Protein backbone atom coordinates (compact mmCIF):
# COMPACT_ATOMS: atom_id res chain seq x y z
CA UNK A 1 99.91 77.18 365.45
CA UNK A 2 97.91 75.49 368.22
CA UNK A 3 94.27 74.54 367.92
CA UNK A 4 91.97 77.48 368.54
CA UNK A 5 94.64 80.10 367.84
CA UNK A 6 93.41 82.93 365.63
CA UNK A 7 95.07 83.45 362.27
CA UNK A 8 97.17 86.59 361.99
CA UNK A 9 95.40 89.37 360.09
CA UNK A 10 98.05 89.28 357.39
CA UNK A 11 96.76 85.82 356.38
CA UNK A 12 93.31 87.30 355.85
CA UNK A 13 94.86 90.01 353.70
CA UNK A 14 96.73 87.47 351.61
CA UNK A 15 93.57 85.40 351.15
CA UNK A 16 91.63 88.49 350.13
CA UNK A 17 94.34 89.43 347.65
CA UNK A 18 94.39 85.93 346.20
CA UNK A 19 90.61 85.92 345.96
CA UNK A 20 90.77 89.24 344.14
CA UNK A 21 93.32 87.87 341.68
CA UNK A 22 91.16 84.78 341.13
CA UNK A 23 88.10 86.91 340.42
CA UNK A 24 90.04 89.10 338.02
CA UNK A 25 91.39 86.04 336.19
CA UNK A 26 87.88 84.56 336.01
CA UNK A 27 86.54 87.80 334.54
CA UNK A 28 89.39 87.91 332.04
CA UNK A 29 88.75 84.30 330.99
CA UNK A 30 85.01 84.96 330.70
CA UNK A 31 85.61 88.12 328.68
CA UNK A 32 88.07 86.29 326.46
CA UNK A 33 85.59 83.45 325.89
CA UNK A 34 82.80 85.93 325.15
CA UNK A 35 85.08 87.82 322.79
CA UNK A 36 86.12 84.61 321.05
CA UNK A 37 82.48 83.58 320.62
CA UNK A 38 81.66 87.01 319.25
CA UNK A 39 84.58 86.82 316.83
CA UNK A 40 83.55 83.30 315.72
CA UNK A 41 79.99 84.45 315.14
CA UNK A 42 81.12 87.48 313.12
CA UNK A 43 83.47 85.35 311.02
CA UNK A 44 80.67 82.83 310.47
CA UNK A 45 78.29 85.54 309.31
CA UNK A 46 80.90 86.69 306.80
CA UNK A 47 81.22 83.12 305.48
CA UNK A 48 77.44 82.79 305.31
CA UNK A 49 77.14 85.99 303.27
CA UNK A 50 79.81 84.68 300.91
CA UNK A 51 77.96 81.37 300.53
CA UNK A 52 74.66 83.16 299.88
CA UNK A 53 76.27 85.26 297.15
CA UNK A 54 77.23 82.03 295.38
CA UNK A 55 73.81 80.38 295.56
CA UNK A 56 71.68 80.40 292.43
CA UNK A 57 67.97 80.00 291.71
CA UNK A 58 66.45 76.83 290.29
CA UNK A 59 68.50 75.59 287.36
CA UNK A 60 67.04 75.30 283.88
CA UNK A 61 69.76 72.90 282.78
CA UNK A 62 69.43 69.21 281.88
CA UNK A 63 70.18 68.09 285.44
CA UNK A 64 67.51 69.45 287.72
CA UNK A 65 64.79 68.72 290.24
CA UNK A 66 61.39 70.33 289.72
CA UNK A 67 60.24 72.56 292.58
CA UNK A 68 56.80 73.99 293.43
CA UNK A 69 56.01 77.34 291.82
CA UNK A 70 55.57 80.43 294.01
CA UNK A 71 52.40 82.48 294.16
CA UNK A 72 51.45 85.66 295.96
CA UNK A 73 49.96 85.06 299.40
CA UNK A 74 49.65 86.73 302.83
CA UNK A 75 53.36 86.03 303.42
CA UNK A 76 54.61 86.72 299.89
CA UNK A 77 55.86 89.29 299.35
CA UNK A 78 56.77 89.77 303.00
CA UNK A 79 56.72 93.10 304.75
CA UNK A 80 60.21 94.45 305.42
CA UNK A 81 61.06 95.26 309.01
CA UNK A 82 63.80 97.11 310.86
CA UNK A 83 63.23 95.86 314.40
CA UNK A 84 64.87 92.89 316.06
CA UNK A 85 63.37 89.59 314.97
CA UNK A 86 61.87 86.68 316.86
CA UNK A 87 62.70 83.63 314.75
CA UNK A 88 61.05 80.23 314.91
CA UNK A 89 63.53 77.51 313.94
CA UNK A 90 61.64 74.25 313.43
CA UNK A 91 63.79 71.30 312.39
CA UNK A 92 62.55 67.83 311.52
CA UNK A 93 64.47 65.79 314.07
CA UNK A 94 67.80 64.56 315.39
CA UNK A 95 67.77 60.94 314.27
CA UNK A 96 71.09 61.14 312.44
CA UNK A 97 74.20 63.26 312.78
CA UNK A 98 73.44 65.38 309.70
CA UNK A 99 70.24 66.47 311.41
CA UNK A 100 72.01 67.09 314.72
CA UNK A 101 74.66 69.27 313.11
CA UNK A 102 72.01 71.13 311.10
CA UNK A 103 69.86 71.70 314.20
CA UNK A 104 72.58 72.76 316.64
CA UNK A 105 74.40 74.91 314.11
CA UNK A 106 71.23 76.74 313.08
CA UNK A 107 70.29 77.51 316.68
CA UNK A 108 73.81 78.70 317.51
CA UNK A 109 73.95 80.92 314.45
CA UNK A 110 70.61 82.58 315.12
CA UNK A 111 71.42 83.08 318.80
CA UNK A 112 74.51 85.07 317.75
CA UNK A 113 72.82 86.98 314.95
CA UNK A 114 72.64 90.77 315.55
CA UNK A 115 69.29 90.96 313.71
CA UNK A 116 67.66 88.45 316.09
CA UNK A 117 66.38 89.17 319.59
CA UNK A 118 65.06 85.67 320.32
CA UNK A 119 65.18 82.18 318.81
CA UNK A 120 62.40 79.69 319.46
CA UNK A 121 63.72 76.28 318.36
CA UNK A 122 61.74 73.05 318.14
CA UNK A 123 62.63 69.42 317.49
CA UNK A 124 59.93 67.79 315.36
CA UNK A 125 61.14 64.32 316.42
CA UNK A 126 60.13 63.12 312.93
CA UNK A 127 56.49 63.46 314.04
CA UNK A 128 54.30 65.75 311.88
CA UNK A 129 51.75 66.16 314.68
CA UNK A 130 54.41 67.39 317.08
CA UNK A 131 55.84 69.78 314.51
CA UNK A 132 52.39 71.19 313.81
CA UNK A 133 51.90 71.80 317.53
CA UNK A 134 55.37 73.36 317.81
CA UNK A 135 54.73 75.77 314.94
CA UNK A 136 51.34 76.76 316.33
CA UNK A 137 53.05 77.52 319.64
CA UNK A 138 55.63 79.67 317.82
CA UNK A 139 52.83 81.61 316.12
CA UNK A 140 51.22 82.25 319.51
CA UNK A 141 54.57 83.56 320.81
CA UNK A 142 54.73 86.19 318.08
CA UNK A 143 57.48 85.02 315.73
CA UNK A 144 58.46 87.33 312.87
CA UNK A 145 60.01 84.60 310.73
CA UNK A 146 59.59 80.82 310.46
CA UNK A 147 62.48 78.74 309.15
CA UNK A 148 61.31 75.15 308.87
CA UNK A 149 62.71 71.78 307.88
CA UNK A 150 59.37 69.94 307.50
CA UNK A 151 59.12 66.45 308.97
CA UNK A 152 56.93 65.47 306.03
CA UNK A 153 54.36 67.20 303.85
CA UNK A 154 51.87 66.37 306.61
CA UNK A 155 53.23 69.37 308.56
CA UNK A 156 52.03 71.72 305.78
CA UNK A 157 48.80 72.88 307.52
CA UNK A 158 50.77 74.60 310.30
CA UNK A 159 53.11 76.18 307.75
CA UNK A 160 50.05 77.44 305.86
CA UNK A 161 48.65 78.80 309.12
CA UNK A 162 51.83 80.79 309.75
CA UNK A 163 51.76 82.23 306.24
CA UNK A 164 48.07 83.13 306.61
CA UNK A 165 49.06 85.27 309.60
CA UNK A 166 51.51 87.14 307.39
CA UNK A 167 54.56 85.46 308.94
CA UNK A 168 57.31 84.89 306.32
CA UNK A 169 57.92 81.15 305.96
CA UNK A 170 61.14 79.62 304.58
CA UNK A 171 61.00 75.82 304.21
CA UNK A 172 64.27 74.08 303.41
CA UNK A 173 65.57 70.60 302.60
CA UNK A 174 62.19 68.82 302.79
CA UNK A 175 59.02 69.62 300.88
CA UNK A 176 55.64 71.05 301.78
CA UNK A 177 52.58 70.26 299.65
CA UNK A 178 52.54 72.18 296.33
CA UNK A 179 49.45 74.17 297.33
CA UNK A 180 50.98 75.43 300.59
CA UNK A 181 51.72 79.15 300.58
CA UNK A 182 55.30 80.06 301.45
CA UNK A 183 57.59 83.06 301.06
CA UNK A 184 60.33 81.14 299.26
CA UNK A 185 62.16 77.83 299.59
CA UNK A 186 65.66 76.42 299.69
CA UNK A 187 65.61 72.89 298.29
CA UNK A 188 68.54 70.93 296.96
CA UNK A 189 68.77 69.60 293.45
CA UNK A 190 69.08 65.98 294.52
CA UNK A 191 69.36 64.84 290.89
CA UNK A 192 72.47 66.99 290.54
CA UNK A 193 73.78 65.62 293.83
CA UNK A 194 73.63 62.05 292.53
CA UNK A 195 74.98 63.09 289.15
CA UNK A 196 78.13 64.61 290.68
CA UNK A 197 79.66 61.42 292.06
CA UNK A 198 78.21 59.41 289.16
CA UNK A 199 80.13 61.61 286.76
CA UNK A 200 83.23 61.18 288.94
CA UNK A 201 82.91 57.41 288.55
CA UNK A 202 82.51 57.66 284.76
CA UNK A 203 85.67 59.76 284.53
CA UNK A 204 87.67 57.43 286.79
CA UNK A 205 86.63 54.39 284.73
CA UNK A 206 87.20 56.23 281.45
CA UNK A 207 83.63 55.40 280.49
CA UNK A 208 83.93 51.62 280.84
CA UNK A 209 83.42 49.26 283.78
CA UNK A 210 81.08 47.52 286.25
CA UNK A 211 79.26 49.63 288.84
CA UNK A 212 76.91 48.86 291.73
CA UNK A 213 74.41 51.34 293.17
CA UNK A 214 73.99 51.39 296.96
CA UNK A 215 70.98 53.62 297.58
CA UNK A 216 69.10 54.68 300.69
CA UNK A 217 65.35 54.20 301.10
CA UNK A 218 63.18 52.78 298.28
CA UNK A 219 60.48 55.22 297.21
CA UNK A 220 62.02 58.09 299.17
CA UNK A 221 62.20 61.24 297.04
CA UNK A 222 65.76 62.10 298.07
CA UNK A 223 67.01 58.57 297.36
CA UNK A 224 65.22 58.21 294.07
CA UNK A 225 66.30 61.61 292.74
CA UNK A 226 69.94 61.02 293.68
CA UNK A 227 69.81 57.60 292.03
CA UNK A 228 68.22 59.19 288.98
CA UNK A 229 71.16 61.58 288.77
CA UNK A 230 73.70 58.76 289.00
CA UNK A 231 71.95 56.79 286.26
CA UNK A 232 71.86 59.89 284.09
CA UNK A 233 75.64 60.20 284.43
CA UNK A 234 76.14 56.50 283.67
CA UNK A 235 73.84 56.67 280.64
CA UNK A 236 76.26 59.05 278.93
CA UNK A 237 78.91 56.30 278.91
CA UNK A 238 77.63 53.17 277.11
CA UNK A 239 80.58 51.20 278.45
CA UNK A 240 79.34 51.56 282.04
CA UNK A 241 77.32 48.57 283.23
CA UNK A 242 75.19 48.82 286.39
CA UNK A 243 75.31 45.32 287.86
CA UNK A 244 72.84 45.81 290.71
CA UNK A 245 70.93 48.31 292.87
CA UNK A 246 70.40 47.80 296.59
CA UNK A 247 68.65 49.81 299.30
CA UNK A 248 70.39 50.15 302.65
CA UNK A 249 67.88 52.42 304.45
CA UNK A 250 70.94 54.53 305.30
CA UNK A 251 72.30 51.87 307.64
CA UNK A 252 76.01 50.87 307.60
CA UNK A 253 75.31 47.27 308.65
CA UNK A 254 72.78 46.83 305.87
CA UNK A 255 75.18 48.45 303.42
CA UNK A 256 77.83 45.93 304.42
CA UNK A 257 75.46 42.98 304.05
CA UNK A 258 74.37 44.06 300.57
CA UNK A 259 77.98 44.58 299.50
CA UNK A 260 78.94 41.13 300.80
CA UNK A 261 76.19 39.59 298.65
CA UNK A 262 77.39 41.46 295.59
CA UNK A 263 80.99 40.42 296.17
CA UNK A 264 79.87 36.80 296.20
CA UNK A 265 77.81 37.21 293.04
CA UNK A 266 80.05 39.48 290.95
CA UNK A 267 83.74 38.66 290.45
CA UNK A 268 84.48 42.10 288.97
CA UNK A 269 83.23 45.35 290.50
CA UNK A 270 85.10 48.48 289.43
CA UNK A 271 83.21 51.20 291.29
CA UNK A 272 80.57 51.74 293.93
CA UNK A 273 78.06 54.59 293.90
CA UNK A 274 76.38 55.38 297.22
CA UNK A 275 73.88 58.19 297.72
CA UNK A 276 75.30 58.89 301.20
CA UNK A 277 78.46 58.19 303.14
CA UNK A 278 76.54 56.38 305.88
CA UNK A 279 75.95 53.07 304.11
CA UNK A 280 79.17 53.52 302.15
CA UNK A 281 81.07 52.86 305.38
CA UNK A 282 79.60 49.34 305.57
CA UNK A 283 80.38 48.69 301.92
CA UNK A 284 84.03 49.65 302.41
CA UNK A 285 84.24 47.33 305.42
CA UNK A 286 82.87 44.47 303.30
CA UNK A 287 85.41 45.17 300.56
CA UNK A 288 88.21 45.22 303.15
CA UNK A 289 87.14 41.88 304.61
CA UNK A 290 87.01 40.31 301.13
CA UNK A 291 90.40 41.79 300.21
CA UNK A 292 88.86 43.45 297.16
CA UNK A 293 89.22 47.08 298.11
CA UNK A 294 92.18 47.36 295.75
CA UNK A 295 89.86 46.61 292.80
CA UNK A 296 87.77 49.75 293.35
CA UNK A 297 88.78 52.56 291.01
CA UNK A 298 86.26 55.05 292.42
CA UNK A 299 83.89 55.11 295.38
CA UNK A 300 81.10 57.68 295.27
CA UNK A 301 79.85 58.60 298.72
CA UNK A 302 79.25 61.76 300.71
CA UNK A 303 80.70 64.22 303.21
CA UNK A 304 80.41 62.09 306.35
CA UNK A 305 83.74 62.19 308.18
CA UNK A 306 83.85 58.42 308.74
CA UNK A 307 83.56 57.86 304.99
CA UNK A 308 86.28 60.41 304.31
CA UNK A 309 88.45 58.86 307.04
CA UNK A 310 88.23 55.41 305.45
CA UNK A 311 89.02 56.88 302.05
CA UNK A 312 92.15 58.61 303.38
CA UNK A 313 93.35 55.77 305.60
CA UNK A 314 92.89 53.11 302.91
CA UNK A 315 93.96 55.36 300.02
CA UNK A 316 90.72 54.75 298.15
CA UNK A 317 89.88 57.11 295.26
CA UNK A 318 86.64 58.68 296.49
CA UNK A 319 84.19 61.32 295.37
CA UNK A 320 81.88 62.95 297.92
CA UNK A 321 78.67 64.83 297.16
CA UNK A 322 76.04 65.61 299.79
CA UNK A 323 73.58 68.38 300.62
CA UNK A 324 75.25 70.81 303.00
CA UNK A 325 74.31 70.63 306.68
CA UNK A 326 74.63 74.45 306.64
CA UNK A 327 71.26 74.63 304.84
CA UNK A 328 69.31 75.81 307.89
CA UNK A 329 71.77 78.63 308.54
CA UNK A 330 71.70 79.79 304.94
CA UNK A 331 67.90 79.66 304.68
CA UNK A 332 67.59 81.65 307.90
CA UNK A 333 70.05 84.35 306.85
CA UNK A 334 68.52 84.69 303.41
CA UNK A 335 65.12 85.13 305.03
CA UNK A 336 66.50 87.79 307.38
CA UNK A 337 68.19 89.61 304.50
CA UNK A 338 64.94 89.67 302.52
CA UNK A 339 63.00 91.03 305.52
CA UNK A 340 65.66 93.69 305.98
CA UNK A 341 65.48 94.66 302.31
CA UNK A 342 69.13 93.72 301.80
CA UNK A 343 68.34 91.10 299.16
CA UNK A 344 65.55 90.86 296.59
CA UNK A 345 62.76 88.36 297.14
CA UNK A 346 63.68 85.16 295.25
CA UNK A 347 61.46 84.47 292.27
CA UNK A 348 62.44 80.79 292.11
CA UNK A 349 63.65 78.17 294.56
CA UNK A 350 67.16 78.92 295.78
CA UNK A 351 69.26 75.81 295.36
CA UNK A 352 70.40 74.38 298.67
CA UNK A 353 74.20 74.06 298.44
CA UNK A 354 75.78 70.72 297.72
CA UNK A 355 79.21 69.98 299.15
CA UNK A 356 81.27 68.53 296.30
CA UNK A 357 84.43 66.68 297.28
CA UNK A 358 86.39 65.42 294.25
CA UNK A 359 89.22 62.94 294.88
CA UNK A 360 91.93 65.59 295.17
CA UNK A 361 89.91 67.39 297.88
CA UNK A 362 89.11 64.45 300.15
CA UNK A 363 92.13 65.10 302.40
CA UNK A 364 91.18 68.78 302.58
CA UNK A 365 87.62 68.10 303.78
CA UNK A 366 88.53 65.19 306.07
CA UNK A 367 88.88 66.29 309.70
CA UNK A 368 91.07 63.87 311.72
CA UNK A 369 90.44 66.00 314.83
CA UNK A 370 86.68 65.44 314.69
CA UNK A 371 84.67 62.21 315.18
CA UNK A 372 83.15 59.98 312.54
CA UNK A 373 79.77 61.69 312.96
CA UNK A 374 80.95 65.08 311.65
CA UNK A 375 79.73 66.33 308.25
CA UNK A 376 82.01 68.57 306.22
CA UNK A 377 81.01 72.24 306.44
CA UNK A 378 82.20 75.44 304.79
CA UNK A 379 80.73 77.68 307.48
CA UNK A 380 80.95 76.53 311.10
CA UNK A 381 83.92 77.56 313.27
CA UNK A 382 86.06 75.06 315.17
CA UNK A 383 84.63 76.20 318.52
CA UNK A 384 81.05 75.34 317.56
CA UNK A 385 82.05 72.03 315.98
CA UNK A 386 83.94 71.15 319.17
CA UNK A 387 80.81 71.95 321.20
CA UNK A 388 78.51 69.86 318.99
CA UNK A 389 80.88 66.91 318.98
CA UNK A 390 82.25 67.18 322.51
CA UNK A 391 83.10 63.87 324.13
CA UNK A 392 80.30 62.54 326.31
């Protein structure tokens, strides 16, 4: 065909037909993706309901954390409602991958929840002043429910303000001040969390051996309660000797440095207890470098995928126990169910679930297809995990 010659009309017809096919395929792909997302959301809701049915109120057993008592207030008991809900989802921050997974998963879940018309999320950026401002903005936008992971107790005035307006308030994971009015809470029994892997170490050592404690932040309530639980487990076996306690500030490099110092000082270490998998990663690396990993009969850590990966790859006997990153989802759904009248109003704190990973389950919870930053979950579908942890 020479330059300037018009294309035959049949070419235009073919192009139109191809364009039509392309549009149809695009619509099919979009519909399939939408359908898959809808199916994932429905399956997730079913898993959430199953998880909620297994949760229990505050334990009265010997291993427990004390939680603030409830009292009647403008937001307790809440008024039931049948209309679609506007939910404020205020999370503390995104400074570590547990927080990121908790934040993104909670937003995704609420956005696909048939009871919810709108989600107003906010990142507190670990700044109480910002979170207070965020919650006040949510109140002004007419939220029907506030699900909040408080930055610190300093955010309590805004939470009190929401309750005073009659807005149901569900704090989870982190505390508000005891005098703050709320609807109900979902806090973890951190003492039990620490006890779990401590008990696993006692069993692996048959009640006799040398243990080191690699904790998080000194004075931090979560750290201290988990450590308390571990010591409680060790105290039941007189043959267990705690050689040392170190604080890593939840940093792998610091965890490694502390472990290196212990390896120099102590010729025999039988087990390591860590209140999270984050610093445990550094401790394992130190043990590898010193060629003493083979001496460890049990390593208590968490649900962080990097920790689980090292356990599997190096064939280390490990026990994981960590507060579930699904907490925000579960607190939100429980709040919705109470507002809908589908569940009774909790009379005591509902225990935030703890993911327990005994040695024979480490390979089950470990996800080789996901990055080190992933935290084991019983709820989230593969599609949402892939989105959260997509390669940058």
